[in-house]
Amino acid sequence: MPLIRRVPKYGFSNPFRTEYAIVNLKSLAALETTEAITPQLLMNEGLVRRKGQLIKILAQGELNKPLVIQAHKFSKSAEAKIQAAGGRAEVIPSV
């Protein structure tokens, strides 16, 4: 078979890319908790599927109560909305 047919047509899939579990602020606002929101709590609530998965918080939705949220990454607008509601965004170092 010619080389041109053995090589993929478009790009490649990077096996070393970092994948994050996406959690939006509207999902966090729906939680009935006043304690810190940790990855373990998100897994217990079913918002994250696998244990040890990296978590990124995005800004879709509104947050009306002050929450302390621990995640591996935050979007800039999500961090601004959390601080505007009186909460804190704590970055967990990824291993």
PDB file of N, CA and C in Angstrom:
ATOM      1  N   MET A   1       0.854  -1.169   0.000  1.00  0.00           N
ATOM      2  CA  MET A   1       0.000   0.000   0.000  1.00  0.00           C
ATOM      3  C   MET A   1       0.908   1.242   0.000  1.00  0.00           C
ATOM      4  N   PRO A   2       0.573   2.247  -0.784  1.00  0.00           N
ATOM      5  CA  PRO A   2       1.401   3.458  -0.837  1.00  0.00           C
ATOM      6  C   PRO A   2       1.398   4.200   0.501  1.00  0.00           C
ATOM      7  N   LEU A   3       2.478   4.920   0.748  1.00  0.00           N
ATOM      8  CA  LEU A   3       2.637   5.657   2.005  1.00  0.00           C
ATOM      9  C   LEU A   3       1.511   6.665   2.216  1.00  0.00           C
ATOM     10  N   ILE A   4       1.056   7.313   1.181  1.00  0.00           N
ATOM     11  CA  ILE A   4       0.025   8.342   1.303  1.00  0.00           C
ATOM     12  C   ILE A   4      -1.288   7.769   1.857  1.00  0.00           C
ATOM     13  N   ARG A   5      -1.534   6.484   1.637  1.00  0.00           N
ATOM     14  CA  ARG A   5      -2.761   5.867   2.152  1.00  0.00           C
ATOM     15  C   ARG A   5      -2.573   5.295   3.552  1.00  0.00           C
ATOM     16  N   ARG A   6      -1.345   5.143   4.004  1.00  0.00           N
ATOM     17  CA  ARG A   6      -1.079   4.616   5.343  1.00  0.00           C
ATOM     18  C   ARG A   6      -0.993   5.714   6.400  1.00  0.00           C
ATOM     19  N   VAL A   7      -0.814   6.949   5.977  1.00  0.00           N
ATOM     20  CA  VAL A   7      -0.655   8.068   6.900  1.00  0.00           C
ATOM     21  C   VAL A   7      -2.012   8.759   7.069  1.00  0.00           C
ATOM     22  N   PRO A   8      -2.387   9.117   8.295  1.00  0.00           N
ATOM     23  CA  PRO A   8      -3.677   9.776   8.503  1.00  0.00           C
ATOM     24  C   PRO A   8      -3.793  11.088   7.735  1.00  0.00           C
ATOM     25  N   LYS A   9      -5.034  11.442   7.410  1.00  0.00           N
ATOM     26  CA  LYS A   9      -5.276  12.615   6.582  1.00  0.00           C
ATOM     27  C   LYS A   9      -5.167  13.926   7.366  1.00  0.00           C
ATOM     28  N   TYR A  10      -5.666  13.958   8.598  1.00  0.00           N
ATOM     29  CA  TYR A  10      -5.689  15.205   9.365  1.00  0.00           C
ATOM     30  C   TYR A  10      -5.000  15.011  10.711  1.00  0.00           C
ATOM     31  N   GLY A  11      -4.032  15.826  11.037  1.00  0.00           N
ATOM     32  CA  GLY A  11      -3.444  15.940  12.366  1.00  0.00           C
ATOM     33  C   GLY A  11      -3.172  14.629  13.075  1.00  0.00           C
ATOM     34  N   PHE A  12      -3.199  14.693  14.393  1.00  0.00           N
ATOM     35  CA  PHE A  12      -2.996  13.515  15.212  1.00  0.00           C
ATOM     36  C   PHE A  12      -3.623  13.751  16.575  1.00  0.00           C
ATOM     37  N   SER A  13      -3.757  12.695  17.358  1.00  0.00           N
ATOM     38  CA  SER A  13      -4.271  12.802  18.716  1.00  0.00           C
ATOM     39  C   SER A  13      -3.091  12.752  19.674  1.00  0.00           C
ATOM     40  N   ASN A  14      -2.913  13.795  20.439  1.00  0.00           N
ATOM     41  CA  ASN A  14      -1.802  13.877  21.373  1.00  0.00           C
ATOM     42  C   ASN A  14      -2.092  13.005  22.591  1.00  0.00           C
ATOM     43  N   PRO A  15      -1.322  11.944  22.813  1.00  0.00           N
ATOM     44  CA  PRO A  15      -1.589  11.077  23.966  1.00  0.00           C
ATOM     45  C   PRO A  15      -1.204  11.715  25.300  1.00  0.00           C
ATOM     46  N   PHE A  16      -0.469  12.834  25.278  1.00  0.00           N
ATOM     47  CA  PHE A  16      -0.011  13.472  26.503  1.00  0.00           C
ATOM     48  C   PHE A  16      -0.829  14.702  26.887  1.00  0.00           C
ATOM     49  N   ARG A  17      -1.936  14.970  26.206  1.00  0.00           N
ATOM     50  CA  ARG A  17      -2.733  16.155  26.517  1.00  0.00           C
ATOM     51  C   ARG A  17      -3.397  15.995  27.891  1.00  0.00           C
ATOM     52  N   THR A  18      -3.668  17.114  28.498  1.00  0.00           N
ATOM     53  CA  THR A  18      -4.311  17.126  29.809  1.00  0.00           C
ATOM     54  C   THR A  18      -5.807  17.321  29.610  1.00  0.00           C
ATOM     55  N   GLU A  19      -6.592  16.375  30.100  1.00  0.00           N
ATOM     56  CA  GLU A  19      -8.047  16.462  29.979  1.00  0.00           C
ATOM     57  C   GLU A  19      -8.641  16.801  31.344  1.00  0.00           C
ATOM     58  N   TYR A  20      -9.586  17.714  31.336  1.00  0.00           N
ATOM     59  CA  TYR A  20     -10.244  18.152  32.558  1.00  0.00           C
ATOM     60  C   TYR A  20     -11.713  17.761  32.520  1.00  0.00           C
ATOM     61  N   ALA A  21     -12.261  17.448  33.692  1.00  0.00           N
ATOM     62  CA  ALA A  21     -13.704  17.289  33.834  1.00  0.00           C
ATOM     63  C   ALA A  21     -14.270  18.694  34.003  1.00  0.00           C
ATOM     64  N   ILE A  22     -15.251  19.045  33.199  1.00  0.00           N
ATOM     65  CA  ILE A  22     -15.820  20.388  33.195  1.00  0.00           C
ATOM     66  C   ILE A  22     -17.012  20.445  34.147  1.00  0.00           C
ATOM     67  N   VAL A  23     -17.002  21.437  35.035  1.00  0.00           N
ATOM     68  CA  VAL A  23     -18.125  21.677  35.947  1.00  0.00           C
ATOM     69  C   VAL A  23     -18.478  23.155  35.835  1.00  0.00           C
ATOM     70  N   ASN A  24     -19.752  23.445  35.589  1.00  0.00           N
ATOM     71  CA  ASN A  24     -20.206  24.829  35.456  1.00  0.00           C
ATOM     72  C   ASN A  24     -20.713  25.365  36.791  1.00  0.00           C
ATOM     73  N   LEU A  25     -20.733  26.682  36.906  1.00  0.00           N
ATOM     74  CA  LEU A  25     -21.193  27.320  38.142  1.00  0.00           C
ATOM     75  C   LEU A  25     -22.658  27.020  38.433  1.00  0.00           C
ATOM     76  N   LYS A  26     -23.471  26.840  37.391  1.00  0.00           N
ATOM     77  CA  LYS A  26     -24.891  26.554  37.640  1.00  0.00           C
ATOM     78  C   LYS A  26     -25.060  25.213  38.352  1.00  0.00           C
ATOM     79  N   SER A  27     -24.165  24.253  38.091  1.00  0.00           N
ATOM     80  CA  SER A  27     -24.215  22.970  38.798  1.00  0.00           C
ATOM     81  C   SER A  27     -23.812  23.138  40.256  1.00  0.00           C
ATOM     82  N   LEU A  28     -22.844  24.005  40.505  1.00  0.00           N
ATOM     83  CA  LEU A  28     -22.399  24.242  41.882  1.00  0.00           C
ATOM     84  C   LEU A  28     -23.440  25.029  42.668  1.00  0.00           C
ATOM     85  N   ALA A  29     -24.151  25.943  41.999  1.00  0.00           N
ATOM     86  CA  ALA A  29     -25.183  26.730  42.675  1.00  0.00           C
ATOM     87  C   ALA A  29     -26.357  25.846  43.095  1.00  0.00           C
ATOM     88  N   ALA A  30     -26.576  24.747  42.379  1.00  0.00           N
ATOM     89  CA  ALA A  30     -27.688  23.856  42.693  1.00  0.00           C
ATOM     90  C   ALA A  30     -27.393  22.960  43.896  1.00  0.00           C
ATOM     91  N   LEU A  31     -26.132  22.849  44.296  1.00  0.00           N
ATOM     92  CA  LEU A  31     -25.780  22.017  45.444  1.00  0.00           C
ATOM     93  C   LEU A  31     -26.268  22.669  46.732  1.00  0.00           C
ATOM     94  N   GLU A  32     -26.825  21.859  47.619  1.00  0.00           N
ATOM     95  CA  GLU A  32     -27.310  22.356  48.907  1.00  0.00           C
ATOM     96  C   GLU A  32     -26.234  22.121  49.959  1.00  0.00           C
ATOM     97  N   THR A  33     -25.163  22.894  49.904  1.00  0.00           N
ATOM     98  CA  THR A  33     -24.081  22.738  50.867  1.00  0.00           C
ATOM     99  C   THR A  33     -23.515  24.097  51.234  1.00  0.00           C
ATOM    100  N   THR A  34     -23.011  24.183  52.452  1.00  0.00           N
ATOM    101  CA  THR A  34     -22.360  25.408  52.893  1.00  0.00           C
ATOM    102  C   THR A  34     -20.877  25.174  53.145  1.00  0.00           C
ATOM    103  N   GLU A  35     -20.448  23.917  53.059  1.00  0.00           N
ATOM    104  CA  GLU A  35     -19.036  23.601  53.282  1.00  0.00           C
ATOM    105  C   GLU A  35     -18.244  23.783  51.990  1.00  0.00           C
ATOM    106  N   ALA A  36     -16.958  23.607  52.068  1.00  0.00           N
ATOM    107  CA  ALA A  36     -16.091  23.769  50.899  1.00  0.00           C
ATOM    108  C   ALA A  36     -16.416  22.704  49.856  1.00  0.00           C
ATOM    109  N   ILE A  37     -16.427  23.106  48.611  1.00  0.00           N
ATOM    110  CA  ILE A  37     -16.697  22.177  47.518  1.00  0.00           C
ATOM    111  C   ILE A  37     -15.358  21.618  47.055  1.00  0.00           C
ATOM    112  N   THR A  38     -15.165  20.327  47.289  1.00  0.00           N
ATOM    113  CA  THR A  38     -13.920  19.644  46.971  1.00  0.00           C
ATOM    114  C   THR A  38     -14.155  18.652  45.835  1.00  0.00           C
ATOM    115  N   PRO A  39     -13.095  18.146  45.225  1.00  0.00           N
ATOM    116  CA  PRO A  39     -13.273  17.111  44.194  1.00  0.00           C
ATOM    117  C   PRO A  39     -14.007  15.879  44.715  1.00  0.00           C
ATOM    118  N   GLN A  40     -13.781  15.509  45.976  1.00  0.00           N
ATOM    119  CA  GLN A  40     -14.473  14.350  46.552  1.00  0.00           C
ATOM    120  C   GLN A  40     -15.978  14.606  46.636  1.00  0.00           C
ATOM    121  N   LEU A  41     -16.373  15.812  47.023  1.00  0.00           N
ATOM    122  CA  LEU A  41     -17.792  16.169  47.088  1.00  0.00           C
ATOM    123  C   LEU A  41     -18.421  16.142  45.696  1.00  0.00           C
ATOM    124  N   LEU A  42     -17.698  16.656  44.700  1.00  0.00           N
ATOM    125  CA  LEU A  42     -18.209  16.650  43.329  1.00  0.00           C
ATOM    126  C   LEU A  42     -18.396  15.223  42.821  1.00  0.00           C
ATOM    127  N   MET A  43     -17.495  14.325  43.200  1.00  0.00           N
ATOM    128  CA  MET A  43     -17.628  12.932  42.786  1.00  0.00           C
ATOM    129  C   MET A  43     -18.826  12.275  43.479  1.00  0.00           C
ATOM    130  N   ASN A  44     -19.019  12.574  44.759  1.00  0.00           N
ATOM    131  CA  ASN A  44     -20.161  12.013  45.492  1.00  0.00           C
ATOM    132  C   ASN A  44     -21.490  12.505  44.930  1.00  0.00           C
ATOM    133  N   GLU A  45     -21.523  13.743  44.430  1.00  0.00           N
ATOM    134  CA  GLU A  45     -22.747  14.317  43.864  1.00  0.00           C
ATOM    135  C   GLU A  45     -22.977  13.893  42.414  1.00  0.00           C
ATOM    136  N   GLY A  46     -22.005  13.230  41.801  1.00  0.00           N
ATOM    137  CA  GLY A  46     -22.159  12.762  40.426  1.00  0.00           C
ATOM    138  C   GLY A  46     -21.774  13.777  39.368  1.00  0.00           C
ATOM    139  N   LEU A  47     -21.118  14.866  39.753  1.00  0.00           N
ATOM    140  CA  LEU A  47     -20.704  15.871  38.775  1.00  0.00           C
ATOM    141  C   LEU A  47     -19.378  15.507  38.115  1.00  0.00           C
ATOM    142  N   VAL A  48     -18.602  14.659  38.768  1.00  0.00           N
ATOM    143  CA  VAL A  48     -17.341  14.158  38.223  1.00  0.00           C
ATOM    144  C   VAL A  48     -17.411  12.645  38.279  1.00  0.00           C
ATOM    145  N   ARG A  49     -17.000  11.989  37.206  1.00  0.00           N
ATOM    146  CA  ARG A  49     -17.171  10.543  37.125  1.00  0.00           C
ATOM    147  C   ARG A  49     -16.061   9.741  37.791  1.00  0.00           C
ATOM    148  N   ARG A  50     -14.805  10.100  37.506  1.00  0.00           N
ATOM    149  CA  ARG A  50     -13.704   9.276  37.986  1.00  0.00           C
ATOM    150  C   ARG A  50     -12.948   9.946  39.125  1.00  0.00           C
ATOM    151  N   LYS A  51     -12.505   9.135  40.066  1.00  0.00           N
ATOM    152  CA  LYS A  51     -11.683   9.635  41.161  1.00  0.00           C
ATOM    153  C   LYS A  51     -10.320  10.024  40.609  1.00  0.00           C
ATOM    154  N   GLY A  52      -9.805  11.142  41.069  1.00  0.00           N
ATOM    155  CA  GLY A  52      -8.492  11.586  40.625  1.00  0.00           C
ATOM    156  C   GLY A  52      -8.505  12.369  39.327  1.00  0.00           C
ATOM    157  N   GLN A  53      -9.680  12.599  38.762  1.00  0.00           N
ATOM    158  CA  GLN A  53      -9.776  13.350  37.513  1.00  0.00           C
ATOM    159  C   GLN A  53      -9.561  14.840  37.791  1.00  0.00           C
ATOM    160  N   LEU A  54      -8.856  15.514  36.884  1.00  0.00           N
ATOM    161  CA  LEU A  54      -8.621  16.949  37.029  1.00  0.00           C
ATOM    162  C   LEU A  54      -9.916  17.705  36.740  1.00  0.00           C
ATOM    163  N   ILE A  55     -10.166  18.770  37.488  1.00  0.00           N
ATOM    164  CA  ILE A  55     -11.437  19.494  37.402  1.00  0.00           C
ATOM    165  C   ILE A  55     -11.190  20.938  36.999  1.00  0.00           C
ATOM    166  N   LYS A  56     -11.997  21.412  36.047  1.00  0.00           N
ATOM    167  CA  LYS A  56     -11.957  22.812  35.642  1.00  0.00           C
ATOM    168  C   LYS A  56     -13.352  23.400  35.831  1.00  0.00           C
ATOM    169  N   ILE A  57     -13.412  24.566  36.462  1.00  0.00           N
ATOM    170  CA  ILE A  57     -14.678  25.249  36.714  1.00  0.00           C
ATOM    171  C   ILE A  57     -14.867  26.319  35.648  1.00  0.00           C
ATOM    172  N   LEU A  58     -16.029  26.261  34.970  1.00  0.00           N
ATOM    173  CA  LEU A  58     -16.365  27.250  33.949  1.00  0.00           C
ATOM    174  C   LEU A  58     -17.502  28.137  34.447  1.00  0.00           C
ATOM    175  N   ALA A  59     -17.704  29.275  33.787  1.00  0.00           N
ATOM    176  CA  ALA A  59     -18.584  30.326  34.310  1.00  0.00           C
ATOM    177  C   ALA A  59     -20.013  30.299  33.788  1.00  0.00           C
ATOM    178  N   GLN A  60     -20.479  29.208  33.230  1.00  0.00           N
ATOM    179  CA  GLN A  60     -21.852  29.177  32.739  1.00  0.00           C
ATOM    180  C   GLN A  60     -22.804  29.140  33.929  1.00  0.00           C
ATOM    181  N   GLY A  61     -23.725  30.073  33.981  1.00  0.00           N
ATOM    182  CA  GLY A  61     -24.669  30.163  35.084  1.00  0.00           C
ATOM    183  C   GLY A  61     -24.262  31.243  36.069  1.00  0.00           C
ATOM    184  N   GLU A  62     -25.085  31.431  37.084  1.00  0.00           N
ATOM    185  CA  GLU A  62     -24.837  32.455  38.102  1.00  0.00           C
ATOM    186  C   GLU A  62     -24.627  31.790  39.454  1.00  0.00           C
ATOM    187  N   LEU A  63     -23.873  32.462  40.293  1.00  0.00           N
ATOM    188  CA  LEU A  63     -23.613  31.988  41.648  1.00  0.00           C
ATOM    189  C   LEU A  63     -24.074  33.077  42.605  1.00  0.00           C
ATOM    190  N   ASN A  64     -25.026  32.743  43.489  1.00  0.00           N
ATOM    191  CA  ASN A  64     -25.615  33.749  44.371  1.00  0.00           C
ATOM    192  C   ASN A  64     -25.206  33.603  45.826  1.00  0.00           C
ATOM    193  N   LYS A  65     -24.492  32.536  46.169  1.00  0.00           N
ATOM    194  CA  LYS A  65     -24.088  32.332  47.557  1.00  0.00           C
ATOM    195  C   LYS A  65     -22.570  32.197  47.632  1.00  0.00           C
ATOM    196  N   PRO A  66     -21.974  32.645  48.720  1.00  0.00           N
ATOM    197  CA  PRO A  66     -20.512  32.549  48.832  1.00  0.00           C
ATOM    198  C   PRO A  66     -20.080  31.103  49.070  1.00  0.00           C
ATOM    199  N   LEU A  67     -19.244  30.590  48.204  1.00  0.00           N
ATOM    200  CA  LEU A  67     -18.749  29.221  48.310  1.00  0.00           C
ATOM    201  C   LEU A  67     -17.232  29.208  48.234  1.00  0.00           C
ATOM    202  N   VAL A  68     -16.645  28.256  48.925  1.00  0.00           N
ATOM    203  CA  VAL A  68     -15.213  27.994  48.797  1.00  0.00           C
ATOM    204  C   VAL A  68     -15.098  26.791  47.875  1.00  0.00           C
ATOM    205  N   ILE A  69     -14.515  27.003  46.704  1.00  0.00           N
ATOM    206  CA  ILE A  69     -14.455  25.959  45.683  1.00  0.00           C
ATOM    207  C   ILE A  69     -13.002  25.589  45.444  1.00  0.00           C
ATOM    208  N   GLN A  70     -12.716  24.299  45.536  1.00  0.00           N
ATOM    209  CA  GLN A  70     -11.373  23.789  45.276  1.00  0.00           C
ATOM    210  C   GLN A  70     -11.399  23.009  43.973  1.00  0.00           C
ATOM    211  N   ALA A  71     -10.548  23.404  43.035  1.00  0.00           N
ATOM    212  CA  ALA A  71     -10.458  22.715  41.745  1.00  0.00           C
ATOM    213  C   ALA A  71      -9.046  22.892  41.206  1.00  0.00           C
ATOM    214  N   HIS A  72      -8.747  22.177  40.139  1.00  0.00           N
ATOM    215  CA  HIS A  72      -7.411  22.230  39.554  1.00  0.00           C
ATOM    216  C   HIS A  72      -7.221  23.433  38.639  1.00  0.00           C
ATOM    217  N   LYS A  73      -8.331  23.938  38.079  1.00  0.00           N
ATOM    218  CA  LYS A  73      -8.233  25.067  37.163  1.00  0.00           C
ATOM    219  C   LYS A  73      -9.568  25.810  37.152  1.00  0.00           C
ATOM    220  N   PHE A  74      -9.503  27.127  36.940  1.00  0.00           N
ATOM    221  CA  PHE A  74     -10.690  27.973  36.848  1.00  0.00           C
ATOM    222  C   PHE A  74     -10.560  28.844  35.611  1.00  0.00           C
ATOM    223  N   SER A  75     -11.689  29.098  34.942  1.00  0.00           N
ATOM    224  CA  SER A  75     -11.656  30.109  33.889  1.00  0.00           C
ATOM    225  C   SER A  75     -11.629  31.473  34.580  1.00  0.00           C
ATOM    226  N   LYS A  76     -11.136  32.484  33.889  1.00  0.00           N
ATOM    227  CA  LYS A  76     -11.023  33.816  34.490  1.00  0.00           C
ATOM    228  C   LYS A  76     -12.387  34.361  34.882  1.00  0.00           C
ATOM    229  N   SER A  77     -13.388  34.144  34.021  1.00  0.00           N
ATOM    230  CA  SER A  77     -14.721  34.667  34.319  1.00  0.00           C
ATOM    231  C   SER A  77     -15.373  33.900  35.469  1.00  0.00           C
ATOM    232  N   ALA A  78     -15.091  32.605  35.598  1.00  0.00           N
ATOM    233  CA  ALA A  78     -15.638  31.836  36.718  1.00  0.00           C
ATOM    234  C   ALA A  78     -15.034  32.312  38.029  1.00  0.00           C
ATOM    235  N   GLU A  79     -13.740  32.555  38.021  1.00  0.00           N
ATOM    236  CA  GLU A  79     -13.078  33.045  39.228  1.00  0.00           C
ATOM    237  C   GLU A  79     -13.631  34.414  39.629  1.00  0.00           C
ATOM    238  N   ALA A  80     -13.902  35.268  38.640  1.00  0.00           N
ATOM    239  CA  ALA A  80     -14.462  36.591  38.924  1.00  0.00           C
ATOM    240  C   ALA A  80     -15.870  36.475  39.508  1.00  0.00           C
ATOM    241  N   LYS A  81     -16.693  35.564  38.987  1.00  0.00           N
ATOM    242  CA  LYS A  81     -18.058  35.393  39.498  1.00  0.00           C
ATOM    243  C   LYS A  81     -18.052  34.831  40.915  1.00  0.00           C
ATOM    244  N   ILE A  82     -17.124  33.918  41.195  1.00  0.00           N
ATOM    245  CA  ILE A  82     -17.031  33.342  42.540  1.00  0.00           C
ATOM    246  C   ILE A  82     -16.648  34.421  43.545  1.00  0.00           C
ATOM    247  N   GLN A  83     -15.676  35.251  43.190  1.00  0.00           N
ATOM    248  CA  GLN A  83     -15.242  36.316  44.089  1.00  0.00           C
ATOM    249  C   GLN A  83     -16.309  37.398  44.230  1.00  0.00           C
ATOM    250  N   ALA A  84     -17.072  37.659  43.171  1.00  0.00           N
ATOM    251  CA  ALA A  84     -18.148  38.647  43.239  1.00  0.00           C
ATOM    252  C   ALA A  84     -19.264  38.184  44.171  1.00  0.00           C
ATOM    253  N   ALA A  85     -19.455  36.865  44.283  1.00  0.00           N
ATOM    254  CA  ALA A  85     -20.478  36.326  45.175  1.00  0.00           C
ATOM    255  C   ALA A  85     -19.982  36.247  46.617  1.00  0.00           C
ATOM    256  N   GLY A  86     -18.706  36.573  46.839  1.00  0.00           N
ATOM    257  CA  GLY A  86     -18.164  36.548  48.194  1.00  0.00           C
ATOM    258  C   GLY A  86     -17.451  35.260  48.545  1.00  0.00           C
ATOM    259  N   GLY A  87     -17.208  34.412  47.559  1.00  0.00           N
ATOM    260  CA  GLY A  87     -16.545  33.136  47.807  1.00  0.00           C
ATOM    261  C   GLY A  87     -15.066  33.179  47.473  1.00  0.00           C
ATOM    262  N   ARG A  88     -14.439  31.992  47.500  1.00  0.00           N
ATOM    263  CA  ARG A  88     -13.017  31.865  47.186  1.00  0.00           C
ATOM    264  C   ARG A  88     -12.817  30.733  46.193  1.00  0.00           C
ATOM    265  N   ALA A  89     -11.896  30.944  45.263  1.00  0.00           N
ATOM    266  CA  ALA A  89     -11.504  29.914  44.308  1.00  0.00           C
ATOM    267  C   ALA A  89     -10.104  29.458  44.680  1.00  0.00           C
ATOM    268  N   GLU A  90      -9.987  28.219  45.154  1.00  0.00           N
ATOM    269  CA  GLU A  90      -8.698  27.680  45.575  1.00  0.00           C
ATOM    270  C   GLU A  90      -8.199  26.693  44.529  1.00  0.00           C
ATOM    271  N   VAL A  91      -6.989  26.927  44.044  1.00  0.00           N
ATOM    272  CA  VAL A  91      -6.400  26.056  43.030  1.00  0.00           C
ATOM    273  C   VAL A  91      -5.660  24.922  43.723  1.00  0.00           C
ATOM    274  N   ILE A  92      -6.014  23.687  43.348  1.00  0.00           N
ATOM    275  CA  ILE A  92      -5.344  22.499  43.863  1.00  0.00           C
ATOM    276  C   ILE A  92      -4.213  22.172  42.902  1.00  0.00           C
ATOM    277  N   PRO A  93      -3.009  21.940  43.390  1.00  0.00           N
ATOM    278  CA  PRO A  93      -1.931  21.574  42.463  1.00  0.00           C
ATOM    279  C   PRO A  93      -2.189  20.193  41.872  1.00  0.00           C
ATOM    280  N   SER A  94      -2.041  20.075  40.556  1.00  0.00           N
ATOM    281  CA  SER A  94      -2.226  18.776  39.911  1.00  0.00           C
ATOM    282  C   SER A  94      -0.936  17.985  40.029  1.00  0.00           C
ATOM    283  N   VAL A  95      -1.082  16.701  40.200  1.00  0.00           N
ATOM    284  CA  VAL A  95       0.073  15.827  40.434  1.00  0.00           C
ATOM    285  C   VAL A  95       0.787  15.514  39.157  1.00  0.00           C
TER     286      VAL A  95
END
